[in-house]
């Protein structure tokens, strides 16, 4: 299969990038998945004047079966249904394709692997306009954190232990699942340099780390991928100041958008698992962007039917506040 170089791949991706999550289709993200021991296939097609770009990651199923996951893709000008058909014809070996297209296509709606709805902040309007667009409570909490003396610093893998301690506290408190901790370390080490950059930002109070974010920069967009906070000193509102700092820093670096990576879909119940974090994120303003979500396109109908049957809920699932990028 003839795959473009890293530079050509990313250039084509940027020309057709989704409103959020484009880093998941970058050449570098595919290399990251390969570093985790996963099989990755890249497909670049042009047919009838339409283009399609897809990074597919092979993920395991029971009994030796597997499926192909195309996070935030495929992308390009090819209609979603046609693109799904081309995937089936070009990449063999899986029971189904799990795609996250920008437009609806035929298939089975699956539980979201990555957020289907997010809040995206336009950075080109400048900080004054962004401040004006924030909710009053958000501006108040930012000022409170500043008054309390919260400090912010950008860090790398050297702050990993601080980040993971806070992450484990947050997961226990809010009831969501984590990747193995080494997954986050691998991400920080893999994306130290290059077009895709991952880094940590730590908020400190009395010289103690009390909040941290893991961020991803790609194609002029900064993404809030993972957030964590301490059970202590929650009254100093450190996460609010963290985001203001990151927004100002992104503007200074010439970036054009800030993705809060996942909010509850429009019209969701006030009891939606993401209701609280959605209120927090929407307090900064931004535009709600929705996509069709995660869709399964079977290639082996029999195996896929067995898979669906096995996934029928048998007991209440643990509440998840955030979905981690896969």
C-alpha atoms as a PDB file:
ATOM      1  CA  UNK A   1       0.000   0.000   0.000  1.00  0.00           C
ATOM      2  CA  UNK A   2       1.533   3.318  -1.092  1.00  0.00           C
ATOM      3  CA  UNK A   3       1.530   5.622   1.936  1.00  0.00           C
ATOM      4  CA  UNK A   4       2.564   9.315   1.695  1.00  0.00           C
ATOM      5  CA  UNK A   5       5.488  10.564   3.712  1.00  0.00           C
ATOM      6  CA  UNK A   6       4.895  12.084   7.142  1.00  0.00           C
ATOM      7  CA  UNK A   7       5.051  15.600   5.702  1.00  0.00           C
ATOM      8  CA  UNK A   8       2.629  14.893   2.848  1.00  0.00           C
ATOM      9  CA  UNK A   9       0.277  12.947   5.123  1.00  0.00           C
ATOM     10  CA  UNK A  10       0.028  15.748   7.670  1.00  0.00           C
ATOM     11  CA  UNK A  11      -0.308  18.363   4.945  1.00  0.00           C
ATOM     12  CA  UNK A  12      -3.259  16.490   3.421  1.00  0.00           C
ATOM     13  CA  UNK A  13      -4.773  15.986   6.869  1.00  0.00           C
ATOM     14  CA  UNK A  14      -4.562  19.698   7.673  1.00  0.00           C
ATOM     15  CA  UNK A  15      -6.371  20.515   4.423  1.00  0.00           C
ATOM     16  CA  UNK A  16      -9.364  18.412   5.560  1.00  0.00           C
ATOM     17  CA  UNK A  17      -8.988  18.442   9.341  1.00  0.00           C
ATOM     18  CA  UNK A  18     -12.091  17.908  11.515  1.00  0.00           C
ATOM     19  CA  UNK A  19     -13.129  20.764  13.799  1.00  0.00           C
ATOM     20  CA  UNK A  20     -11.549  18.957  16.740  1.00  0.00           C
ATOM     21  CA  UNK A  21      -9.385  15.893  17.313  1.00  0.00           C
ATOM     22  CA  UNK A  22      -7.302  16.078  14.111  1.00  0.00           C
ATOM     23  CA  UNK A  23      -4.200  14.970  16.028  1.00  0.00           C
ATOM     24  CA  UNK A  24      -5.707  11.462  16.205  1.00  0.00           C
ATOM     25  CA  UNK A  25      -5.257  11.137  12.435  1.00  0.00           C
ATOM     26  CA  UNK A  26      -1.746  12.591  12.370  1.00  0.00           C
ATOM     27  CA  UNK A  27       1.164  10.499  11.163  1.00  0.00           C
ATOM     28  CA  UNK A  28       2.716  10.872  14.616  1.00  0.00           C
ATOM     29  CA  UNK A  29      -0.323   9.465  16.418  1.00  0.00           C
ATOM     30  CA  UNK A  30      -0.078   6.352  14.280  1.00  0.00           C
ATOM     31  CA  UNK A  31       3.579   6.015  15.289  1.00  0.00           C
ATOM     32  CA  UNK A  32       2.572   6.401  18.922  1.00  0.00           C
ATOM     33  CA  UNK A  33       0.065   3.562  18.573  1.00  0.00           C
ATOM     34  CA  UNK A  34       2.759   1.411  16.962  1.00  0.00           C
ATOM     35  CA  UNK A  35       5.069   2.162  19.914  1.00  0.00           C
ATOM     36  CA  UNK A  36       2.384   0.608  22.141  1.00  0.00           C
ATOM     37  CA  UNK A  37       2.633  -2.609  20.156  1.00  0.00           C
ATOM     38  CA  UNK A  38      -0.477  -2.059  18.049  1.00  0.00           C
ATOM     39  CA  UNK A  39      -0.775  -2.679  14.319  1.00  0.00           C
ATOM     40  CA  UNK A  40      -1.482   0.478  12.317  1.00  0.00           C
ATOM     41  CA  UNK A  41      -2.570   0.780   8.685  1.00  0.00           C
ATOM     42  CA  UNK A  42      -2.626   4.083   6.811  1.00  0.00           C
ATOM     43  CA  UNK A  43      -4.791   4.506   3.739  1.00  0.00           C
ATOM     44  CA  UNK A  44      -4.640   7.442   1.320  1.00  0.00           C
ATOM     45  CA  UNK A  45      -6.937   7.280  -1.726  1.00  0.00           C
ATOM     46  CA  UNK A  46      -8.077   9.522  -4.537  1.00  0.00           C
ATOM     47  CA  UNK A  47     -10.981   8.279  -6.662  1.00  0.00           C
ATOM     48  CA  UNK A  48     -13.261  10.215  -8.942  1.00  0.00           C
ATOM     49  CA  UNK A  49     -11.806  13.490  -7.764  1.00  0.00           C
ATOM     50  CA  UNK A  50     -12.536  12.683  -4.088  1.00  0.00           C
ATOM     51  CA  UNK A  51      -9.885  12.053  -1.463  1.00  0.00           C
ATOM     52  CA  UNK A  52      -9.811   9.938   1.682  1.00  0.00           C
ATOM     53  CA  UNK A  53      -7.213   9.677   4.435  1.00  0.00           C
ATOM     54  CA  UNK A  54      -7.475   7.176   7.287  1.00  0.00           C
ATOM     55  CA  UNK A  55      -5.231   5.911  10.069  1.00  0.00           C
ATOM     56  CA  UNK A  56      -6.648   2.596  11.320  1.00  0.00           C
ATOM     57  CA  UNK A  57      -5.500   0.981  14.568  1.00  0.00           C
ATOM     58  CA  UNK A  58      -6.085  -2.724  15.105  1.00  0.00           C
ATOM     59  CA  UNK A  59      -7.641  -3.475  18.505  1.00  0.00           C
ATOM     60  CA  UNK A  60      -8.278  -6.922  19.985  1.00  0.00           C
ATOM     61  CA  UNK A  61     -11.511  -8.823  20.510  1.00  0.00           C
ATOM     62  CA  UNK A  62     -11.997 -12.161  22.325  1.00  0.00           C
ATOM     63  CA  UNK A  63     -11.105 -15.480  20.698  1.00  0.00           C
ATOM     64  CA  UNK A  64      -8.384 -14.020  18.507  1.00  0.00           C
ATOM     65  CA  UNK A  65     -10.617 -11.634  16.572  1.00  0.00           C
ATOM     66  CA  UNK A  66      -9.940  -7.933  16.164  1.00  0.00           C
ATOM     67  CA  UNK A  67     -11.400  -4.765  14.706  1.00  0.00           C
ATOM     68  CA  UNK A  68     -10.022  -1.609  13.076  1.00  0.00           C
ATOM     69  CA  UNK A  69     -10.521   1.720  14.824  1.00  0.00           C
ATOM     70  CA  UNK A  70     -10.279   4.965  12.813  1.00  0.00           C
ATOM     71  CA  UNK A  71     -10.283   7.759  15.423  1.00  0.00           C
ATOM     72  CA  UNK A  72     -11.759  11.061  14.203  1.00  0.00           C
ATOM     73  CA  UNK A  73     -11.745   9.754  10.669  1.00  0.00           C
ATOM     74  CA  UNK A  74     -11.665   8.988   7.892  1.00  0.00           C
ATOM     75  CA  UNK A  75     -11.117  12.529   6.612  1.00  0.00           C
ATOM     76  CA  UNK A  76     -11.176  14.049   3.141  1.00  0.00           C
ATOM     77  CA  UNK A  77     -13.745  14.946   0.491  1.00  0.00           C
ATOM     78  CA  UNK A  78     -14.985  11.397  -0.133  1.00  0.00           C
ATOM     79  CA  UNK A  79     -18.564  10.863   1.144  1.00  0.00           C
ATOM     80  CA  UNK A  80     -18.581   9.024   4.470  1.00  0.00           C
ATOM     81  CA  UNK A  81     -20.401   5.980   3.126  1.00  0.00           C
ATOM     82  CA  UNK A  82     -18.008   5.621   0.191  1.00  0.00           C
ATOM     83  CA  UNK A  83     -15.029   6.070   2.494  1.00  0.00           C
ATOM     84  CA  UNK A  84     -16.293   3.288   4.764  1.00  0.00           C
ATOM     85  CA  UNK A  85     -16.657   1.006   1.746  1.00  0.00           C
ATOM     86  CA  UNK A  86     -13.092   1.770   0.639  1.00  0.00           C
ATOM     87  CA  UNK A  87     -11.822   0.921   4.108  1.00  0.00           C
ATOM     88  CA  UNK A  88     -13.501  -2.467   3.948  1.00  0.00           C
ATOM     89  CA  UNK A  89     -12.001  -3.177   0.529  1.00  0.00           C
ATOM     90  CA  UNK A  90      -8.490  -1.957   1.327  1.00  0.00           C
ATOM     91  CA  UNK A  91      -7.731  -3.056   4.903  1.00  0.00           C
ATOM     92  CA  UNK A  92      -8.595  -6.715   5.547  1.00  0.00           C
ATOM     93  CA  UNK A  93      -8.607  -8.807   8.672  1.00  0.00           C
ATOM     94  CA  UNK A  94     -11.039  -7.225  11.109  1.00  0.00           C
ATOM     95  CA  UNK A  95     -14.550  -8.164  12.171  1.00  0.00           C
ATOM     96  CA  UNK A  96     -15.638  -4.526  11.738  1.00  0.00           C
ATOM     97  CA  UNK A  97     -14.427  -0.972  11.289  1.00  0.00           C
ATOM     98  CA  UNK A  98     -15.142   1.523  14.049  1.00  0.00           C
ATOM     99  CA  UNK A  99     -15.112   5.009  12.551  1.00  0.00           C
ATOM    100  CA  UNK A 100     -15.663   8.546  13.834  1.00  0.00           C
ATOM    101  CA  UNK A 101     -16.589  10.435  10.651  1.00  0.00           C
ATOM    102  CA  UNK A 102     -17.459  14.095  10.236  1.00  0.00           C
ATOM    103  CA  UNK A 103     -20.675  13.190   8.386  1.00  0.00           C
ATOM    104  CA  UNK A 104     -23.218  10.460   9.012  1.00  0.00           C
ATOM    105  CA  UNK A 105     -22.718   7.083   7.371  1.00  0.00           C
ATOM    106  CA  UNK A 106     -24.565   3.778   7.462  1.00  0.00           C
ATOM    107  CA  UNK A 107     -23.658   1.440  10.278  1.00  0.00           C
ATOM    108  CA  UNK A 108     -24.342   0.645  13.925  1.00  0.00           C
ATOM    109  CA  UNK A 109     -24.138   3.465  16.436  1.00  0.00           C
ATOM    110  CA  UNK A 110     -21.612   2.523  19.126  1.00  0.00           C
ATOM    111  CA  UNK A 111     -20.660   4.005  22.455  1.00  0.00           C
ATOM    112  CA  UNK A 112     -18.351   6.951  21.844  1.00  0.00           C
ATOM    113  CA  UNK A 113     -14.662   6.078  21.907  1.00  0.00           C
ATOM    114  CA  UNK A 114     -13.708   9.757  21.719  1.00  0.00           C
ATOM    115  CA  UNK A 115     -16.051  12.677  22.402  1.00  0.00           C
ATOM    116  CA  UNK A 116     -18.620  13.308  19.686  1.00  0.00           C
ATOM    117  CA  UNK A 117     -19.403  16.782  21.026  1.00  0.00           C
ATOM    118  CA  UNK A 118     -16.930  19.382  22.187  1.00  0.00           C
ATOM    119  CA  UNK A 119     -16.586  23.075  22.952  1.00  0.00           C
ATOM    120  CA  UNK A 120     -14.093  24.821  20.666  1.00  0.00           C
ATOM    121  CA  UNK A 121     -12.859  28.305  21.484  1.00  0.00           C
ATOM    122  CA  UNK A 122     -11.822  30.659  18.666  1.00  0.00           C
ATOM    123  CA  UNK A 123      -8.475  32.167  19.670  1.00  0.00           C
ATOM    124  CA  UNK A 124      -8.213  34.530  16.715  1.00  0.00           C
ATOM    125  CA  UNK A 125     -10.610  36.993  18.389  1.00  0.00           C
ATOM    126  CA  UNK A 126      -8.002  37.780  21.062  1.00  0.00           C
ATOM    127  CA  UNK A 127      -7.938  37.535  24.831  1.00  0.00           C
ATOM    128  CA  UNK A 128     -10.093  40.598  25.500  1.00  0.00           C
ATOM    129  CA  UNK A 129     -12.973  39.153  23.491  1.00  0.00           C
ATOM    130  CA  UNK A 130     -12.502  35.742  25.107  1.00  0.00           C
ATOM    131  CA  UNK A 131     -12.607  37.329  28.573  1.00  0.00           C
ATOM    132  CA  UNK A 132     -15.802  39.138  27.635  1.00  0.00           C
ATOM    133  CA  UNK A 133     -17.361  35.884  26.438  1.00  0.00           C
ATOM    134  CA  UNK A 134     -16.697  34.011  29.660  1.00  0.00           C
ATOM    135  CA  UNK A 135     -19.426  33.531  32.215  1.00  0.00           C
ATOM    136  CA  UNK A 136     -19.207  35.858  35.197  1.00  0.00           C
ATOM    137  CA  UNK A 137     -18.613  32.950  37.582  1.00  0.00           C
ATOM    138  CA  UNK A 138     -15.662  31.758  35.494  1.00  0.00           C
ATOM    139  CA  UNK A 139     -14.049  35.205  35.525  1.00  0.00           C
ATOM    140  CA  UNK A 140     -14.641  35.410  39.285  1.00  0.00           C
ATOM    141  CA  UNK A 141     -12.986  32.037  39.904  1.00  0.00           C
ATOM    142  CA  UNK A 142      -9.973  33.007  37.788  1.00  0.00           C
ATOM    143  CA  UNK A 143      -9.514  36.181  39.819  1.00  0.00           C
ATOM    144  CA  UNK A 144      -9.931  34.188  43.036  1.00  0.00           C
ATOM    145  CA  UNK A 145      -7.166  31.764  42.049  1.00  0.00           C
ATOM    146  CA  UNK A 146      -4.896  34.683  41.191  1.00  0.00           C
ATOM    147  CA  UNK A 147      -5.672  36.387  44.510  1.00  0.00           C
ATOM    148  CA  UNK A 148      -4.962  33.168  46.428  1.00  0.00           C
ATOM    149  CA  UNK A 149      -1.513  32.989  44.842  1.00  0.00           C
ATOM    150  CA  UNK A 150      -1.958  29.943  42.605  1.00  0.00           C
ATOM    151  CA  UNK A 151       0.990  29.653  40.201  1.00  0.00           C
ATOM    152  CA  UNK A 152       1.154  27.862  36.838  1.00  0.00           C
ATOM    153  CA  UNK A 153       4.096  26.201  35.117  1.00  0.00           C
ATOM    154  CA  UNK A 154       4.518  24.270  31.866  1.00  0.00           C
ATOM    155  CA  UNK A 155       6.299  20.967  32.398  1.00  0.00           C
ATOM    156  CA  UNK A 156       7.190  17.740  30.639  1.00  0.00           C
ATOM    157  CA  UNK A 157       7.671  14.152  31.641  1.00  0.00           C
ATOM    158  CA  UNK A 158       9.724  15.281  34.651  1.00  0.00           C
ATOM    159  CA  UNK A 159       6.412  16.234  36.329  1.00  0.00           C
ATOM    160  CA  UNK A 160       4.867  12.842  35.551  1.00  0.00           C
ATOM    161  CA  UNK A 161       4.667  11.654  39.150  1.00  0.00           C
ATOM    162  CA  UNK A 162       2.836  14.814  40.260  1.00  0.00           C
ATOM    163  CA  UNK A 163       0.417  14.438  37.356  1.00  0.00           C
ATOM    164  CA  UNK A 164      -0.356  10.773  37.967  1.00  0.00           C
ATOM    165  CA  UNK A 165      -0.922  11.278  41.698  1.00  0.00           C
ATOM    166  CA  UNK A 166      -3.499  13.934  40.886  1.00  0.00           C
ATOM    167  CA  UNK A 167      -4.972  11.815  38.090  1.00  0.00           C
ATOM    168  CA  UNK A 168      -5.510   8.837  40.390  1.00  0.00           C
ATOM    169  CA  UNK A 169      -7.178  11.059  43.000  1.00  0.00           C
ATOM    170  CA  UNK A 170      -9.496  12.476  40.353  1.00  0.00           C
ATOM    171  CA  UNK A 171     -10.388   9.058  38.934  1.00  0.00           C
ATOM    172  CA  UNK A 172     -11.265   7.756  42.406  1.00  0.00           C
ATOM    173  CA  UNK A 173     -13.239  10.859  43.341  1.00  0.00           C
ATOM    174  CA  UNK A 174     -15.192  11.210  40.094  1.00  0.00           C
ATOM    175  CA  UNK A 175     -15.488   7.534  39.179  1.00  0.00           C
ATOM    176  CA  UNK A 176     -13.879   7.228  35.766  1.00  0.00           C
ATOM    177  CA  UNK A 177     -11.421   4.760  34.289  1.00  0.00           C
ATOM    178  CA  UNK A 178      -7.793   5.410  33.404  1.00  0.00           C
ATOM    179  CA  UNK A 179      -5.361   4.055  30.869  1.00  0.00           C
ATOM    180  CA  UNK A 180      -2.376   2.288  32.423  1.00  0.00           C
ATOM    181  CA  UNK A 181      -0.202   5.083  33.815  1.00  0.00           C
ATOM    182  CA  UNK A 182       2.670   4.227  31.469  1.00  0.00           C
ATOM    183  CA  UNK A 183       0.364   5.147  28.565  1.00  0.00           C
ATOM    184  CA  UNK A 184       0.498   8.796  29.657  1.00  0.00           C
ATOM    185  CA  UNK A 185       4.274   8.683  30.116  1.00  0.00           C
ATOM    186  CA  UNK A 186       4.692   7.179  26.650  1.00  0.00           C
ATOM    187  CA  UNK A 187       2.571   9.967  25.177  1.00  0.00           C
ATOM    188  CA  UNK A 188       4.663  12.681  26.817  1.00  0.00           C
ATOM    189  CA  UNK A 189       7.911  11.069  25.694  1.00  0.00           C
ATOM    190  CA  UNK A 190       6.695  10.380  22.134  1.00  0.00           C
ATOM    191  CA  UNK A 191       5.461  13.921  21.546  1.00  0.00           C
ATOM    192  CA  UNK A 192       8.277  15.990  23.038  1.00  0.00           C
ATOM    193  CA  UNK A 193       9.165  17.452  19.634  1.00  0.00           C
ATOM    194  CA  UNK A 194       7.575  17.566  16.196  1.00  0.00           C
ATOM    195  CA  UNK A 195       4.261  18.702  14.777  1.00  0.00           C
ATOM    196  CA  UNK A 196       2.302  16.940  17.530  1.00  0.00           C
ATOM    197  CA  UNK A 197       3.358  18.213  20.954  1.00  0.00           C
ATOM    198  CA  UNK A 198       2.219  16.840  24.323  1.00  0.00           C
ATOM    199  CA  UNK A 199       3.043  18.555  27.591  1.00  0.00           C
ATOM    200  CA  UNK A 200       1.911  18.978  31.175  1.00  0.00           C
ATOM    201  CA  UNK A 201       0.791  22.132  32.934  1.00  0.00           C
ATOM    202  CA  UNK A 202       0.887  22.159  36.738  1.00  0.00           C
ATOM    203  CA  UNK A 203      -0.957  24.509  39.115  1.00  0.00           C
ATOM    204  CA  UNK A 204       0.664  24.957  42.538  1.00  0.00           C
ATOM    205  CA  UNK A 205      -0.606  26.366  45.789  1.00  0.00           C
ATOM    206  CA  UNK A 206       1.818  26.842  48.679  1.00  0.00           C
ATOM    207  CA  UNK A 207       4.348  25.037  46.440  1.00  0.00           C
ATOM    208  CA  UNK A 208       2.136  21.939  46.294  1.00  0.00           C
ATOM    209  CA  UNK A 209       0.795  20.626  42.957  1.00  0.00           C
ATOM    210  CA  UNK A 210      -3.004  20.762  43.187  1.00  0.00           C
ATOM    211  CA  UNK A 211      -4.118  20.599  39.544  1.00  0.00           C
ATOM    212  CA  UNK A 212      -2.625  19.474  36.240  1.00  0.00           C
ATOM    213  CA  UNK A 213      -3.563  19.143  32.583  1.00  0.00           C
ATOM    214  CA  UNK A 214      -2.106  17.000  29.805  1.00  0.00           C
ATOM    215  CA  UNK A 215      -2.359  19.015  26.595  1.00  0.00           C
ATOM    216  CA  UNK A 216      -1.863  18.254  22.894  1.00  0.00           C
ATOM    217  CA  UNK A 217      -0.935  20.860  20.255  1.00  0.00           C
ATOM    218  CA  UNK A 218      -1.400  20.142  16.553  1.00  0.00           C
ATOM    219  CA  UNK A 219      -2.348  22.133  13.469  1.00  0.00           C
ATOM    220  CA  UNK A 220      -2.929  25.378  15.358  1.00  0.00           C
ATOM    221  CA  UNK A 221      -5.290  23.739  17.850  1.00  0.00           C
ATOM    222  CA  UNK A 222      -4.584  23.170  21.531  1.00  0.00           C
ATOM    223  CA  UNK A 223      -6.527  20.275  23.058  1.00  0.00           C
ATOM    224  CA  UNK A 224      -7.306  19.748  26.739  1.00  0.00           C
ATOM    225  CA  UNK A 225      -6.879  15.983  26.688  1.00  0.00           C
ATOM    226  CA  UNK A 226      -6.689  15.013  30.364  1.00  0.00           C
ATOM    227  CA  UNK A 227      -7.245  16.991  33.544  1.00  0.00           C
ATOM    228  CA  UNK A 228      -6.622  16.179  37.195  1.00  0.00           C
ATOM    229  CA  UNK A 229      -6.968  17.949  40.524  1.00  0.00           C
ATOM    230  CA  UNK A 230      -6.223  17.328  44.190  1.00  0.00           C
ATOM    231  CA  UNK A 231      -8.794  16.537  46.837  1.00  0.00           C
ATOM    232  CA  UNK A 232      -7.208  19.406  48.800  1.00  0.00           C
ATOM    233  CA  UNK A 233      -7.524  23.174  48.293  1.00  0.00           C
ATOM    234  CA  UNK A 234     -10.396  22.871  45.841  1.00  0.00           C
ATOM    235  CA  UNK A 235     -11.620  26.242  47.087  1.00  0.00           C
ATOM    236  CA  UNK A 236      -8.738  28.100  45.394  1.00  0.00           C
ATOM    237  CA  UNK A 237     -10.151  27.264  41.930  1.00  0.00           C
ATOM    238  CA  UNK A 238      -6.826  26.313  40.345  1.00  0.00           C
ATOM    239  CA  UNK A 239      -8.299  24.589  37.225  1.00  0.00           C
ATOM    240  CA  UNK A 240      -9.843  27.890  36.127  1.00  0.00           C
ATOM    241  CA  UNK A 241      -6.506  29.677  36.196  1.00  0.00           C
ATOM    242  CA  UNK A 242      -4.866  26.721  34.437  1.00  0.00           C
ATOM    243  CA  UNK A 243      -7.102  27.172  31.410  1.00  0.00           C
ATOM    244  CA  UNK A 244      -6.727  30.942  31.299  1.00  0.00           C
ATOM    245  CA  UNK A 245      -2.953  30.496  31.309  1.00  0.00           C
ATOM    246  CA  UNK A 246      -3.138  27.876  28.542  1.00  0.00           C
ATOM    247  CA  UNK A 247      -5.436  30.022  26.399  1.00  0.00           C
ATOM    248  CA  UNK A 248      -3.175  33.071  26.739  1.00  0.00           C
ATOM    249  CA  UNK A 249      -0.106  30.948  25.971  1.00  0.00           C
ATOM    250  CA  UNK A 250      -1.771  29.446  22.885  1.00  0.00           C
ATOM    251  CA  UNK A 251      -2.645  32.922  21.590  1.00  0.00           C
ATOM    252  CA  UNK A 252       0.943  34.057  22.168  1.00  0.00           C
ATOM    253  CA  UNK A 253       2.153  31.069  20.112  1.00  0.00           C
ATOM    254  CA  UNK A 254      -0.150  31.981  17.214  1.00  0.00           C
ATOM    255  CA  UNK A 255      -2.590  29.112  17.656  1.00  0.00           C
ATOM    256  CA  UNK A 256      -6.119  29.530  16.322  1.00  0.00           C
ATOM    257  CA  UNK A 257      -8.395  27.346  18.449  1.00  0.00           C
ATOM    258  CA  UNK A 258      -8.677  25.705  21.875  1.00  0.00           C
ATOM    259  CA  UNK A 259     -10.565  22.421  22.165  1.00  0.00           C
ATOM    260  CA  UNK A 260     -11.990  21.520  25.580  1.00  0.00           C
ATOM    261  CA  UNK A 261     -12.280  17.858  24.439  1.00  0.00           C
ATOM    262  CA  UNK A 262     -15.734  16.691  25.252  1.00  0.00           C
ATOM    263  CA  UNK A 263     -18.964  18.112  26.609  1.00  0.00           C
ATOM    264  CA  UNK A 264     -22.401  16.582  27.063  1.00  0.00           C
ATOM    265  CA  UNK A 265     -24.431  16.585  23.817  1.00  0.00           C
ATOM    266  CA  UNK A 266     -26.885  19.436  23.327  1.00  0.00           C
ATOM    267  CA  UNK A 267     -30.190  18.677  25.038  1.00  0.00           C
ATOM    268  CA  UNK A 268     -28.699  16.180  27.482  1.00  0.00           C
ATOM    269  CA  UNK A 269     -30.301  15.570  30.846  1.00  0.00           C
ATOM    270  CA  UNK A 270     -29.055  17.672  33.784  1.00  0.00           C
ATOM    271  CA  UNK A 271     -28.066  14.304  35.260  1.00  0.00           C
ATOM    272  CA  UNK A 272     -25.776  13.405  32.352  1.00  0.00           C
ATOM    273  CA  UNK A 273     -22.435  12.056  33.683  1.00  0.00           C
ATOM    274  CA  UNK A 274     -20.648  14.983  32.063  1.00  0.00           C
ATOM    275  CA  UNK A 275     -23.049  17.687  33.300  1.00  0.00           C
ATOM    276  CA  UNK A 276     -20.636  19.136  35.866  1.00  0.00           C
ATOM    277  CA  UNK A 277     -17.550  19.182  33.649  1.00  0.00           C
ATOM    278  CA  UNK A 278     -19.676  20.610  30.825  1.00  0.00           C
ATOM    279  CA  UNK A 279     -20.710  23.574  32.979  1.00  0.00           C
ATOM    280  CA  UNK A 280     -17.065  24.147  33.804  1.00  0.00           C
ATOM    281  CA  UNK A 281     -15.910  24.038  30.185  1.00  0.00           C
ATOM    282  CA  UNK A 282     -18.763  26.116  28.768  1.00  0.00           C
ATOM    283  CA  UNK A 283     -17.975  28.806  31.315  1.00  0.00           C
ATOM    284  CA  UNK A 284     -15.045  29.818  29.100  1.00  0.00           C
ATOM    285  CA  UNK A 285     -17.295  30.415  26.096  1.00  0.00           C
ATOM    286  CA  UNK A 286     -16.673  28.671  22.813  1.00  0.00           C
ATOM    287  CA  UNK A 287     -18.789  27.019  20.154  1.00  0.00           C
ATOM    288  CA  UNK A 288     -20.394  23.621  20.671  1.00  0.00           C
ATOM    289  CA  UNK A 289     -19.351  21.343  17.794  1.00  0.00           C
ATOM    290  CA  UNK A 290     -21.154  18.031  17.238  1.00  0.00           C
ATOM    291  CA  UNK A 291     -20.248  15.042  15.055  1.00  0.00           C
ATOM    292  CA  UNK A 292     -22.124  11.781  14.291  1.00  0.00           C
ATOM    293  CA  UNK A 293     -20.178   9.914  16.974  1.00  0.00           C
ATOM    294  CA  UNK A 294     -18.724   6.416  16.818  1.00  0.00           C
ATOM    295  CA  UNK A 295     -20.136   4.091  14.148  1.00  0.00           C
ATOM    296  CA  UNK A 296     -19.435   0.410  13.529  1.00  0.00           C
ATOM    297  CA  UNK A 297     -19.297  -0.838   9.946  1.00  0.00           C
ATOM    298  CA  UNK A 298     -19.274  -4.681  10.004  1.00  0.00           C
ATOM    299  CA  UNK A 299     -17.103  -6.712   7.676  1.00  0.00           C
ATOM    300  CA  UNK A 300     -17.996 -10.085   9.232  1.00  0.00           C
ATOM    301  CA  UNK A 301     -21.697  -9.957  10.075  1.00  0.00           C
ATOM    302  CA  UNK A 302     -21.673 -13.165  12.128  1.00  0.00           C
ATOM    303  CA  UNK A 303     -18.758 -12.147  14.369  1.00  0.00           C
ATOM    304  CA  UNK A 304     -20.150  -8.645  14.731  1.00  0.00           C
ATOM    305  CA  UNK A 305     -23.548 -10.013  15.800  1.00  0.00           C
ATOM    306  CA  UNK A 306     -21.832 -12.127  18.467  1.00  0.00           C
ATOM    307  CA  UNK A 307     -19.872  -9.064  19.583  1.00  0.00           C
ATOM    308  CA  UNK A 308     -23.053  -6.987  19.911  1.00  0.00           C
ATOM    309  CA  UNK A 309     -24.725  -9.765  21.867  1.00  0.00           C
ATOM    310  CA  UNK A 310     -21.788 -10.028  24.252  1.00  0.00           C
ATOM    311  CA  UNK A 311     -21.841  -6.256  24.832  1.00  0.00           C
ATOM    312  CA  UNK A 312     -25.452  -6.205  26.032  1.00  0.00           C
ATOM    313  CA  UNK A 313     -25.400  -4.684  29.537  1.00  0.00           C
ATOM    314  CA  UNK A 314     -25.722  -7.150  32.388  1.00  0.00           C
ATOM    315  CA  UNK A 315     -25.004  -4.821  35.295  1.00  0.00           C
ATOM    316  CA  UNK A 316     -24.686  -1.082  35.851  1.00  0.00           C
ATOM    317  CA  UNK A 317     -21.487   0.305  34.387  1.00  0.00           C
ATOM    318  CA  UNK A 318     -19.123   2.512  36.235  1.00  0.00           C
ATOM    319  CA  UNK A 319     -19.817   6.166  35.554  1.00  0.00           C
ATOM    320  CA  UNK A 320     -17.274   7.810  33.262  1.00  0.00           C
ATOM    321  CA  UNK A 321     -16.735  11.553  33.363  1.00  0.00           C
ATOM    322  CA  UNK A 322     -14.271  11.843  30.514  1.00  0.00           C
ATOM    323  CA  UNK A 323     -13.304   9.668  27.582  1.00  0.00           C
ATOM    324  CA  UNK A 324      -9.600   9.365  26.961  1.00  0.00           C
ATOM    325  CA  UNK A 325      -8.208   9.575  23.455  1.00  0.00           C
ATOM    326  CA  UNK A 326      -7.538   6.145  21.961  1.00  0.00           C
END
